[in-house]
Amino acid sequence: MYYYSLNEYLKNTFGEKVYKISLNGGMTCPNRDGTLSDKGCIFCSKGGSGEFSADYRLSVTRQIEQAKAKVKRKIKTNKYIAYFQAFTNTYAPVAYLEKIFTEAVNNREVAVLSVATRPDCLGRDVLDLLERLNKIKPVWVELGLQTIHPKTAEYIRRCYDLSVYNNAVKELKFRGLQVITHVILGLPNETKEEMLETVSYVGKYTDGIKLQLLHVLKGTDLEKEYKNGSFKTLSMEEYIDILCDAVEILPENVVIHRLTGDGDKKLLVSPMWSADKKRVLNAINKAFNEKNVTQGRNFKNTTE
């Protein structure tokens, strides 16, 4: 079976390798500042999943330059994805969003603007802004869904219903914006079948998907649950088994942006096997070969 990796999509679209750099807009989240909750999602780290992002106090241009300097020796490319990653990156006044997003888009080496956000933080003024920017350079909107199942959504404290995701996808696609959906495999108390139901559902609507292994990180409420014995994390074999089935049920036009994920090693509590990225990718590659799942090109560059 064939699947469409991010690496292949970028080469098909831009004719060369495009490297993602993580930026920080200095925002927070309605699930943290008291608007919806002051606790945040149960798995979310203190840094709002932006541990690899730059210092938000720097200008966007300076953040880009610093990121490029870090990778220039190992990455041969002149094109970058400007990825606003930490927290909720449309949760700010639209004038501020326009300033930082436009600064990124106007950088001559930025090929794509990618904005990670919540589907309940996409007001009409924000959608209008993203639509305008998309006419200059491609804009990707990354939505943190994680699961379609109400009980799990309540457990992880997502604080919005599935219908909110559905409406956001509809609005974004109507405006010509690419949608990438984040899904976590291994959420507590979900069966393999439930995880695959989420993947199958998302595959009908999204342009791209990030398949993320559940990481337990220090300082999160999920860590407390884990240490209390409330759940177990997946073994590498269990994760790869679910991942193989997930890839097989996705439509071939859905771009797979991630097959696993990197937890900050300084914060990682479990599963510790995930810290050895080379070993994990080799194991995934082996499993894909055995199942005859292929992207038709260089597998090792498919994940972030």
C-alpha atoms as a PDB file:
ATOM      1  CA  MET A   1       0.000   0.000   0.000  1.00  0.00           C
ATOM      2  CA  TYR A   2       1.080   3.565  -0.749  1.00  0.00           C
ATOM      3  CA  TYR A   3       0.941   6.494   1.659  1.00  0.00           C
ATOM      4  CA  TYR A   4       1.644  10.171   1.079  1.00  0.00           C
ATOM      5  CA  SER A   5       4.406  11.450   3.347  1.00  0.00           C
ATOM      6  CA  LEU A   6       5.115  15.076   4.117  1.00  0.00           C
ATOM      7  CA  ASN A   7       8.585  14.676   2.639  1.00  0.00           C
ATOM      8  CA  GLU A   8       7.149  13.537  -0.681  1.00  0.00           C
ATOM      9  CA  TYR A   9       4.448  16.216  -0.684  1.00  0.00           C
ATOM     10  CA  LEU A  10       7.005  18.980  -0.145  1.00  0.00           C
ATOM     11  CA  LYS A  11       9.293  17.694  -2.874  1.00  0.00           C
ATOM     12  CA  ASN A  12       6.356  17.405  -5.264  1.00  0.00           C
ATOM     13  CA  THR A  13       5.164  20.914  -4.397  1.00  0.00           C
ATOM     14  CA  PHE A  14       8.406  22.855  -4.041  1.00  0.00           C
ATOM     15  CA  GLY A  15      10.884  20.669  -5.890  1.00  0.00           C
ATOM     16  CA  GLU A  16      13.233  20.375  -2.917  1.00  0.00           C
ATOM     17  CA  LYS A  17      13.542  19.656   0.779  1.00  0.00           C
ATOM     18  CA  VAL A  18      11.664  22.155   2.955  1.00  0.00           C
ATOM     19  CA  TYR A  19      12.662  22.328   6.628  1.00  0.00           C
ATOM     20  CA  LYS A  20      10.274  23.230   9.436  1.00  0.00           C
ATOM     21  CA  ILE A  21      11.357  25.808  12.004  1.00  0.00           C
ATOM     22  CA  SER A  22       9.427  26.259  15.217  1.00  0.00           C
ATOM     23  CA  LEU A  23       8.439  29.820  16.140  1.00  0.00           C
ATOM     24  CA  ASN A  24       6.861  31.273  19.250  1.00  0.00           C
ATOM     25  CA  GLY A  25       4.228  33.992  19.117  1.00  0.00           C
ATOM     26  CA  GLY A  26       4.093  34.379  22.899  1.00  0.00           C
ATOM     27  CA  MET A  27       0.448  33.353  23.196  1.00  0.00           C
ATOM     28  CA  THR A  28      -1.444  31.319  25.780  1.00  0.00           C
ATOM     29  CA  CYS A  29      -4.635  29.253  25.546  1.00  0.00           C
ATOM     30  CA  PRO A  30      -8.281  29.688  26.595  1.00  0.00           C
ATOM     31  CA  ASN A  31      -7.907  26.315  28.279  1.00  0.00           C
ATOM     32  CA  ARG A  32      -5.241  27.789  30.566  1.00  0.00           C
ATOM     33  CA  ASP A  33      -6.056  31.447  31.178  1.00  0.00           C
ATOM     34  CA  GLY A  34      -9.405  30.814  32.863  1.00  0.00           C
ATOM     35  CA  THR A  35     -11.636  31.433  29.844  1.00  0.00           C
ATOM     36  CA  LEU A  36     -12.502  27.733  29.581  1.00  0.00           C
ATOM     37  CA  SER A  37     -10.247  26.323  32.284  1.00  0.00           C
ATOM     38  CA  ASP A  38      -7.083  27.146  34.156  1.00  0.00           C
ATOM     39  CA  LYS A  39      -5.686  23.608  33.999  1.00  0.00           C
ATOM     40  CA  GLY A  40      -5.053  23.073  30.292  1.00  0.00           C
ATOM     41  CA  CYS A  41      -5.256  19.730  28.525  1.00  0.00           C
ATOM     42  CA  ILE A  42      -4.158  16.907  30.798  1.00  0.00           C
ATOM     43  CA  PHE A  43      -1.126  16.007  28.677  1.00  0.00           C
ATOM     44  CA  CYS A  44       0.068  19.508  27.817  1.00  0.00           C
ATOM     45  CA  SER A  45       3.432  20.605  29.168  1.00  0.00           C
ATOM     46  CA  LYS A  46       4.228  23.903  30.832  1.00  0.00           C
ATOM     47  CA  GLY A  47       5.595  25.112  27.506  1.00  0.00           C
ATOM     48  CA  GLY A  48       2.385  24.324  25.631  1.00  0.00           C
ATOM     49  CA  SER A  49       4.093  21.714  23.428  1.00  0.00           C
ATOM     50  CA  GLY A  50       6.557  24.352  22.319  1.00  0.00           C
ATOM     51  CA  GLU A  51       9.698  23.158  24.085  1.00  0.00           C
ATOM     52  CA  PHE A  52      11.620  23.331  20.824  1.00  0.00           C
ATOM     53  CA  SER A  53      10.372  26.809  19.964  1.00  0.00           C
ATOM     54  CA  ALA A  54      12.418  30.000  20.072  1.00  0.00           C
ATOM     55  CA  ASP A  55      12.234  32.772  22.664  1.00  0.00           C
ATOM     56  CA  TYR A  56       8.933  34.612  22.130  1.00  0.00           C
ATOM     57  CA  ARG A  57      10.573  37.898  23.129  1.00  0.00           C
ATOM     58  CA  LEU A  58      12.578  37.879  19.902  1.00  0.00           C
ATOM     59  CA  SER A  59      11.097  39.210  16.683  1.00  0.00           C
ATOM     60  CA  VAL A  60       9.821  36.643  14.206  1.00  0.00           C
ATOM     61  CA  THR A  61      12.649  37.545  11.835  1.00  0.00           C
ATOM     62  CA  ARG A  62      15.235  36.995  14.576  1.00  0.00           C
ATOM     63  CA  GLN A  63      13.652  33.668  15.544  1.00  0.00           C
ATOM     64  CA  ILE A  64      13.868  32.536  11.925  1.00  0.00           C
ATOM     65  CA  GLU A  65      17.500  33.574  11.636  1.00  0.00           C
ATOM     66  CA  GLN A  66      18.440  31.758  14.837  1.00  0.00           C
ATOM     67  CA  ALA A  67      16.662  28.594  13.724  1.00  0.00           C
ATOM     68  CA  LYS A  68      18.370  28.667  10.336  1.00  0.00           C
ATOM     69  CA  ALA A  69      21.765  29.094  11.975  1.00  0.00           C
ATOM     70  CA  LYS A  70      21.230  25.974  14.093  1.00  0.00           C
ATOM     71  CA  VAL A  71      20.569  23.716  11.108  1.00  0.00           C
ATOM     72  CA  LYS A  72      22.603  25.252   8.297  1.00  0.00           C
ATOM     73  CA  ARG A  73      25.400  22.683   8.577  1.00  0.00           C
ATOM     74  CA  LYS A  74      23.153  19.636   8.386  1.00  0.00           C
ATOM     75  CA  ILE A  75      20.285  20.917   6.233  1.00  0.00           C
ATOM     76  CA  LYS A  76      20.823  21.992   2.653  1.00  0.00           C
ATOM     77  CA  THR A  77      17.747  23.989   1.790  1.00  0.00           C
ATOM     78  CA  ASN A  78      16.666  27.509   0.981  1.00  0.00           C
ATOM     79  CA  LYS A  79      13.014  26.970   1.892  1.00  0.00           C
ATOM     80  CA  TYR A  80      11.407  26.783   5.313  1.00  0.00           C
ATOM     81  CA  ILE A  81       8.048  26.224   6.959  1.00  0.00           C
ATOM     82  CA  ALA A  82       7.396  28.914   9.573  1.00  0.00           C
ATOM     83  CA  TYR A  83       5.627  26.895  12.258  1.00  0.00           C
ATOM     84  CA  PHE A  84       3.921  28.749  15.091  1.00  0.00           C
ATOM     85  CA  GLN A  85       3.772  25.853  17.531  1.00  0.00           C
ATOM     86  CA  ALA A  86       3.525  26.735  21.212  1.00  0.00           C
ATOM     87  CA  PHE A  87       0.072  27.020  22.812  1.00  0.00           C
ATOM     88  CA  THR A  88      -2.849  28.381  20.713  1.00  0.00           C
ATOM     89  CA  ASN A  89      -1.571  30.538  17.881  1.00  0.00           C
ATOM     90  CA  THR A  90      -4.767  32.322  16.928  1.00  0.00           C
ATOM     91  CA  TYR A  91      -5.585  33.288  20.510  1.00  0.00           C
ATOM     92  CA  ALA A  92      -4.626  36.961  20.331  1.00  0.00           C
ATOM     93  CA  PRO A  93      -5.965  40.203  18.836  1.00  0.00           C
ATOM     94  CA  VAL A  94      -6.075  39.939  15.065  1.00  0.00           C
ATOM     95  CA  ALA A  95      -3.864  43.019  14.683  1.00  0.00           C
ATOM     96  CA  TYR A  96      -1.092  41.225  16.573  1.00  0.00           C
ATOM     97  CA  LEU A  97      -1.613  38.037  14.573  1.00  0.00           C
ATOM     98  CA  GLU A  98      -1.422  39.999  11.341  1.00  0.00           C
ATOM     99  CA  LYS A  99       1.868  41.557  12.441  1.00  0.00           C
ATOM    100  CA  ILE A 100       3.690  38.337  13.306  1.00  0.00           C
ATOM    101  CA  PHE A 101       2.210  36.158  10.553  1.00  0.00           C
ATOM    102  CA  THR A 102       2.884  38.774   7.884  1.00  0.00           C
ATOM    103  CA  GLU A 103       6.461  39.118   9.091  1.00  0.00           C
ATOM    104  CA  ALA A 104       6.907  35.376   8.622  1.00  0.00           C
ATOM    105  CA  VAL A 105       5.196  35.251   5.228  1.00  0.00           C
ATOM    106  CA  ASN A 106       7.256  38.160   3.925  1.00  0.00           C
ATOM    107  CA  ASN A 107      10.514  36.363   4.686  1.00  0.00           C
ATOM    108  CA  ARG A 108      11.849  35.367   1.265  1.00  0.00           C
ATOM    109  CA  GLU A 109      12.967  31.917   2.479  1.00  0.00           C
ATOM    110  CA  VAL A 110       9.656  31.016   4.100  1.00  0.00           C
ATOM    111  CA  ALA A 111       7.644  28.818   1.736  1.00  0.00           C
ATOM    112  CA  VAL A 112       4.739  27.973   4.058  1.00  0.00           C
ATOM    113  CA  LEU A 113       3.092  29.489   7.130  1.00  0.00           C
ATOM    114  CA  SER A 114       1.858  26.795   9.525  1.00  0.00           C
ATOM    115  CA  VAL A 115      -0.315  27.784  12.491  1.00  0.00           C
ATOM    116  CA  ALA A 116      -1.134  25.389  15.327  1.00  0.00           C
ATOM    117  CA  THR A 117      -4.364  26.265  17.101  1.00  0.00           C
ATOM    118  CA  ARG A 118      -7.651  25.097  18.571  1.00  0.00           C
ATOM    119  CA  PRO A 119     -10.758  24.870  16.372  1.00  0.00           C
ATOM    120  CA  ASP A 120     -12.664  27.053  18.848  1.00  0.00           C
ATOM    121  CA  CYS A 121     -10.198  29.921  18.338  1.00  0.00           C
ATOM    122  CA  LEU A 122     -10.955  30.734  14.722  1.00  0.00           C
ATOM    123  CA  GLY A 123     -13.215  33.763  14.654  1.00  0.00           C
ATOM    124  CA  ARG A 124     -14.271  35.337  11.370  1.00  0.00           C
ATOM    125  CA  ASP A 125     -11.627  38.065  11.613  1.00  0.00           C
ATOM    126  CA  VAL A 126      -8.911  35.429  12.088  1.00  0.00           C
ATOM    127  CA  LEU A 127     -10.247  33.380   9.193  1.00  0.00           C
ATOM    128  CA  ASP A 128     -10.256  36.491   6.997  1.00  0.00           C
ATOM    129  CA  LEU A 129      -6.627  37.165   7.903  1.00  0.00           C
ATOM    130  CA  LEU A 130      -5.510  33.608   7.165  1.00  0.00           C
ATOM    131  CA  GLU A 131      -7.386  33.692   3.871  1.00  0.00           C
ATOM    132  CA  ARG A 132      -5.587  36.898   2.848  1.00  0.00           C
ATOM    133  CA  LEU A 133      -2.187  35.503   3.783  1.00  0.00           C
ATOM    134  CA  ASN A 134      -2.931  32.291   1.891  1.00  0.00           C
ATOM    135  CA  LYS A 135      -3.088  34.341  -1.296  1.00  0.00           C
ATOM    136  CA  ILE A 136       0.547  35.333  -0.726  1.00  0.00           C
ATOM    137  CA  LYS A 137       1.963  31.996   0.404  1.00  0.00           C
ATOM    138  CA  PRO A 138       0.388  28.682   1.438  1.00  0.00           C
ATOM    139  CA  VAL A 139      -1.097  28.690   4.935  1.00  0.00           C
ATOM    140  CA  TRP A 140      -1.604  25.485   6.888  1.00  0.00           C
ATOM    141  CA  VAL A 141      -3.843  25.430   9.944  1.00  0.00           C
ATOM    142  CA  GLU A 142      -3.083  22.663  12.416  1.00  0.00           C
ATOM    143  CA  LEU A 143      -5.986  21.657  14.656  1.00  0.00           C
ATOM    144  CA  GLY A 144      -5.464  19.772  17.915  1.00  0.00           C
ATOM    145  CA  LEU A 145      -8.327  17.272  17.892  1.00  0.00           C
ATOM    146  CA  GLN A 146      -6.601  14.192  19.414  1.00  0.00           C
ATOM    147  CA  THR A 147      -9.768  12.036  19.550  1.00  0.00           C
ATOM    148  CA  ILE A 148     -13.368  11.942  18.336  1.00  0.00           C
ATOM    149  CA  HIS A 149     -14.640  10.152  21.434  1.00  0.00           C
ATOM    150  CA  PRO A 150     -16.532  12.337  23.957  1.00  0.00           C
ATOM    151  CA  LYS A 151     -15.444  10.429  27.082  1.00  0.00           C
ATOM    152  CA  THR A 152     -11.780  10.729  26.175  1.00  0.00           C
ATOM    153  CA  ALA A 153     -12.187  14.380  25.173  1.00  0.00           C
ATOM    154  CA  GLU A 154     -13.674  15.080  28.587  1.00  0.00           C
ATOM    155  CA  TYR A 155     -10.901  13.139  30.324  1.00  0.00           C
ATOM    156  CA  ILE A 156      -8.131  15.056  28.578  1.00  0.00           C
ATOM    157  CA  ARG A 157      -9.997  18.344  29.228  1.00  0.00           C
ATOM    158  CA  ARG A 158     -10.172  19.385  25.596  1.00  0.00           C
ATOM    159  CA  CYS A 159     -13.118  21.686  26.361  1.00  0.00           C
ATOM    160  CA  TYR A 160     -14.844  21.653  22.969  1.00  0.00           C
ATOM    161  CA  ASP A 161     -17.188  19.270  21.155  1.00  0.00           C
ATOM    162  CA  LEU A 162     -16.484  17.418  17.926  1.00  0.00           C
ATOM    163  CA  SER A 163     -18.958  19.688  16.121  1.00  0.00           C
ATOM    164  CA  VAL A 164     -16.603  22.617  16.760  1.00  0.00           C
ATOM    165  CA  TYR A 165     -13.845  20.777  14.904  1.00  0.00           C
ATOM    166  CA  ASN A 166     -16.232  19.926  12.069  1.00  0.00           C
ATOM    167  CA  ASN A 167     -17.304  23.563  11.669  1.00  0.00           C
ATOM    168  CA  ALA A 168     -13.704  24.805  11.773  1.00  0.00           C
ATOM    169  CA  VAL A 169     -12.633  22.388   9.052  1.00  0.00           C
ATOM    170  CA  LYS A 170     -15.602  23.443   6.915  1.00  0.00           C
ATOM    171  CA  GLU A 171     -14.776  27.142   7.276  1.00  0.00           C
ATOM    172  CA  LEU A 172     -11.057  26.672   6.629  1.00  0.00           C
ATOM    173  CA  LYS A 173     -11.510  24.536   3.539  1.00  0.00           C
ATOM    174  CA  PHE A 174     -14.164  26.890   2.177  1.00  0.00           C
ATOM    175  CA  ARG A 175     -11.502  29.604   2.287  1.00  0.00           C
ATOM    176  CA  GLY A 176      -8.931  27.439   0.529  1.00  0.00           C
ATOM    177  CA  LEU A 177      -6.752  26.790   3.572  1.00  0.00           C
ATOM    178  CA  GLN A 178      -5.045  23.460   4.193  1.00  0.00           C
ATOM    179  CA  VAL A 179      -6.094  21.652   7.366  1.00  0.00           C
ATOM    180  CA  ILE A 180      -3.792  19.367   9.332  1.00  0.00           C
ATOM    181  CA  THR A 181      -5.285  17.430  12.234  1.00  0.00           C
ATOM    182  CA  HIS A 182      -3.399  16.221  15.300  1.00  0.00           C
ATOM    183  CA  VAL A 183      -4.383  12.774  16.615  1.00  0.00           C
ATOM    184  CA  ILE A 184      -2.886  11.097  19.694  1.00  0.00           C
ATOM    185  CA  LEU A 185      -2.586   7.319  19.702  1.00  0.00           C
ATOM    186  CA  GLY A 186      -2.522   5.671  23.123  1.00  0.00           C
ATOM    187  CA  LEU A 187      -4.814   7.991  25.073  1.00  0.00           C
ATOM    188  CA  PRO A 188      -5.866   6.418  28.401  1.00  0.00           C
ATOM    189  CA  ASN A 189      -8.733   3.916  28.261  1.00  0.00           C
ATOM    190  CA  GLU A 190      -9.083   4.030  24.471  1.00  0.00           C
ATOM    191  CA  THR A 191      -9.070   0.724  22.624  1.00  0.00           C
ATOM    192  CA  LYS A 192      -7.228   0.178  19.366  1.00  0.00           C
ATOM    193  CA  GLU A 193     -10.582   0.170  17.593  1.00  0.00           C
ATOM    194  CA  GLU A 194     -11.478   3.575  19.049  1.00  0.00           C
ATOM    195  CA  MET A 195      -8.144   5.031  17.980  1.00  0.00           C
ATOM    196  CA  LEU A 196      -8.675   3.757  14.450  1.00  0.00           C
ATOM    197  CA  GLU A 197     -12.197   5.199  14.447  1.00  0.00           C
ATOM    198  CA  THR A 198     -10.660   8.623  15.106  1.00  0.00           C
ATOM    199  CA  VAL A 199      -8.137   8.187  12.300  1.00  0.00           C
ATOM    200  CA  SER A 200     -10.827   7.010   9.886  1.00  0.00           C
ATOM    201  CA  TYR A 201     -13.096   9.942  10.765  1.00  0.00           C
ATOM    202  CA  VAL A 202     -10.349  12.538  10.425  1.00  0.00           C
ATOM    203  CA  GLY A 203      -9.216  11.054   7.118  1.00  0.00           C
ATOM    204  CA  LYS A 204     -12.551  11.991   5.542  1.00  0.00           C
ATOM    205  CA  TYR A 205     -12.113  15.712   6.222  1.00  0.00           C
ATOM    206  CA  THR A 206      -8.493  16.710   6.683  1.00  0.00           C
ATOM    207  CA  ASP A 207      -5.751  17.464   4.141  1.00  0.00           C
ATOM    208  CA  GLY A 208      -3.018  16.221   6.444  1.00  0.00           C
ATOM    209  CA  ILE A 209      -2.642  14.334   9.692  1.00  0.00           C
ATOM    210  CA  LYS A 210      -0.122  14.137  12.514  1.00  0.00           C
ATOM    211  CA  LEU A 211      -0.143  10.784  14.253  1.00  0.00           C
ATOM    212  CA  GLN A 212       1.345  11.325  17.688  1.00  0.00           C
ATOM    213  CA  LEU A 213       2.319   8.777  20.314  1.00  0.00           C
ATOM    214  CA  LEU A 214       1.035   9.726  23.763  1.00  0.00           C
ATOM    215  CA  HIS A 215       3.920  11.059  25.850  1.00  0.00           C
ATOM    216  CA  VAL A 216       3.711  11.443  29.604  1.00  0.00           C
ATOM    217  CA  LEU A 217       5.675  14.556  30.539  1.00  0.00           C
ATOM    218  CA  LYS A 218       6.889  15.843  33.880  1.00  0.00           C
ATOM    219  CA  GLY A 219       4.741  18.464  35.528  1.00  0.00           C
ATOM    220  CA  THR A 220       1.498  17.485  33.794  1.00  0.00           C
ATOM    221  CA  ASP A 221      -1.654  16.119  35.381  1.00  0.00           C
ATOM    222  CA  LEU A 222      -1.226  13.127  33.087  1.00  0.00           C
ATOM    223  CA  GLU A 223       1.984  12.336  34.969  1.00  0.00           C
ATOM    224  CA  LYS A 224       0.005  12.137  38.212  1.00  0.00           C
ATOM    225  CA  GLU A 225      -2.499   9.772  36.602  1.00  0.00           C
ATOM    226  CA  TYR A 226       0.297   7.617  35.220  1.00  0.00           C
ATOM    227  CA  LYS A 227       2.157   7.393  38.536  1.00  0.00           C
ATOM    228  CA  ASN A 228      -1.106   6.487  40.290  1.00  0.00           C
ATOM    229  CA  GLY A 229      -1.362   3.499  37.979  1.00  0.00           C
ATOM    230  CA  SER A 230      -4.497   4.749  36.221  1.00  0.00           C
ATOM    231  CA  PHE A 231      -3.194   3.681  32.805  1.00  0.00           C
ATOM    232  CA  LYS A 232      -0.225   2.244  30.971  1.00  0.00           C
ATOM    233  CA  THR A 233       1.512   3.740  27.956  1.00  0.00           C
ATOM    234  CA  LEU A 234       1.914   1.769  24.755  1.00  0.00           C
ATOM    235  CA  SER A 235       4.875  -0.464  24.094  1.00  0.00           C
ATOM    236  CA  MET A 236       6.759   0.193  20.871  1.00  0.00           C
ATOM    237  CA  GLU A 237       5.279  -2.980  19.377  1.00  0.00           C
ATOM    238  CA  GLU A 238       1.739  -1.939  20.313  1.00  0.00           C
ATOM    239  CA  TYR A 239       2.220   1.537  18.910  1.00  0.00           C
ATOM    240  CA  ILE A 240       3.637   0.335  15.601  1.00  0.00           C
ATOM    241  CA  ASP A 241       0.813  -2.203  15.220  1.00  0.00           C
ATOM    242  CA  ILE A 242      -1.773   0.577  15.643  1.00  0.00           C
ATOM    243  CA  LEU A 243       0.213   2.917  13.415  1.00  0.00           C
ATOM    244  CA  CYS A 244       0.370   0.418  10.554  1.00  0.00           C
ATOM    245  CA  ASP A 245      -3.402  -0.064  10.629  1.00  0.00           C
ATOM    246  CA  ALA A 246      -3.954   3.692  10.890  1.00  0.00           C
ATOM    247  CA  VAL A 247      -1.861   4.387   7.803  1.00  0.00           C
ATOM    248  CA  GLU A 248      -3.647   1.690   5.858  1.00  0.00           C
ATOM    249  CA  ILE A 249      -7.113   3.167   6.453  1.00  0.00           C
ATOM    250  CA  LEU A 250      -6.181   6.737   5.543  1.00  0.00           C
ATOM    251  CA  PRO A 251      -7.082   7.945   2.032  1.00  0.00           C
ATOM    252  CA  GLU A 252      -4.033   8.148  -0.207  1.00  0.00           C
ATOM    253  CA  ASN A 253      -4.465  11.899  -0.732  1.00  0.00           C
ATOM    254  CA  VAL A 254      -4.109  12.664   2.990  1.00  0.00           C
ATOM    255  CA  VAL A 255      -0.562  13.832   3.698  1.00  0.00           C
ATOM    256  CA  ILE A 256       0.971  12.146   6.739  1.00  0.00           C
ATOM    257  CA  HIS A 257       2.944  14.867   8.483  1.00  0.00           C
ATOM    258  CA  ARG A 258       4.047  12.740  11.419  1.00  0.00           C
ATOM    259  CA  LEU A 259       4.307   9.049  12.248  1.00  0.00           C
ATOM    260  CA  THR A 260       5.410   9.403  15.852  1.00  0.00           C
ATOM    261  CA  GLY A 261       6.754  12.455  17.680  1.00  0.00           C
ATOM    262  CA  ASP A 262       9.507  13.814  19.886  1.00  0.00           C
ATOM    263  CA  GLY A 263       8.929  14.433  23.560  1.00  0.00           C
ATOM    264  CA  ASP A 264      11.472  16.621  25.301  1.00  0.00           C
ATOM    265  CA  LYS A 265      13.890  14.053  26.797  1.00  0.00           C
ATOM    266  CA  LYS A 266      14.354  16.209  29.884  1.00  0.00           C
ATOM    267  CA  LEU A 267      10.609  16.014  30.548  1.00  0.00           C
ATOM    268  CA  LEU A 268       9.793  12.528  29.286  1.00  0.00           C
ATOM    269  CA  VAL A 269       8.388  10.144  31.911  1.00  0.00           C
ATOM    270  CA  SER A 270       6.972   7.452  29.636  1.00  0.00           C
ATOM    271  CA  PRO A 271       7.308   5.651  27.281  1.00  0.00           C
ATOM    272  CA  MET A 272      11.089   5.850  27.497  1.00  0.00           C
ATOM    273  CA  TRP A 273      11.577   3.778  24.343  1.00  0.00           C
ATOM    274  CA  SER A 274      10.286   6.749  22.345  1.00  0.00           C
ATOM    275  CA  ALA A 275      13.403   8.759  23.226  1.00  0.00           C
ATOM    276  CA  ASP A 276      15.495   6.623  20.845  1.00  0.00           C
ATOM    277  CA  LYS A 277      14.112   8.124  17.630  1.00  0.00           C
ATOM    278  CA  LYS A 278      16.464   6.263  15.301  1.00  0.00           C
ATOM    279  CA  ARG A 279      15.459   2.914  16.775  1.00  0.00           C
ATOM    280  CA  VAL A 280      11.772   3.794  16.560  1.00  0.00           C
ATOM    281  CA  LEU A 281      11.974   4.909  12.927  1.00  0.00           C
ATOM    282  CA  ASN A 282      13.920   1.791  11.999  1.00  0.00           C
ATOM    283  CA  ALA A 283      11.258  -0.361  13.670  1.00  0.00           C
ATOM    284  CA  ILE A 284       8.472   1.497  11.862  1.00  0.00           C
ATOM    285  CA  ASN A 285      10.324   1.128   8.585  1.00  0.00           C
ATOM    286  CA  LYS A 286      10.734  -2.609   9.139  1.00  0.00           C
ATOM    287  CA  ALA A 287       7.050  -3.042   9.990  1.00  0.00           C
ATOM    288  CA  PHE A 288       6.000  -1.038   6.930  1.00  0.00           C
ATOM    289  CA  ASN A 289       8.228  -3.151   4.709  1.00  0.00           C
ATOM    290  CA  GLU A 290       6.722  -6.345   6.116  1.00  0.00           C
ATOM    291  CA  LYS A 291       3.216  -5.033   5.441  1.00  0.00           C
ATOM    292  CA  ASN A 292       4.264  -3.659   2.043  1.00  0.00           C
ATOM    293  CA  VAL A 293       3.316  -0.120   3.044  1.00  0.00           C
ATOM    294  CA  THR A 294       5.409   2.361   1.080  1.00  0.00           C
ATOM    295  CA  GLN A 295       5.645   6.006   0.189  1.00  0.00           C
ATOM    296  CA  GLY A 296       7.773   5.111  -2.802  1.00  0.00           C
ATOM    297  CA  ARG A 297      10.710   7.249  -1.696  1.00  0.00           C
ATOM    298  CA  ASN A 298      13.069   7.889   1.161  1.00  0.00           C
ATOM    299  CA  PHE A 299      11.231   6.804   4.337  1.00  0.00           C
ATOM    300  CA  LYS A 300      13.665   8.174   6.882  1.00  0.00           C
ATOM    301  CA  ASN A 301      12.704  11.818   6.246  1.00  0.00           C
ATOM    302  CA  THR A 302       8.966  11.434   6.786  1.00  0.00           C
ATOM    303  CA  THR A 303       8.748  12.694  10.362  1.00  0.00           C
ATOM    304  CA  GLU A 304       9.676  15.944  12.025  1.00  0.00           C
END
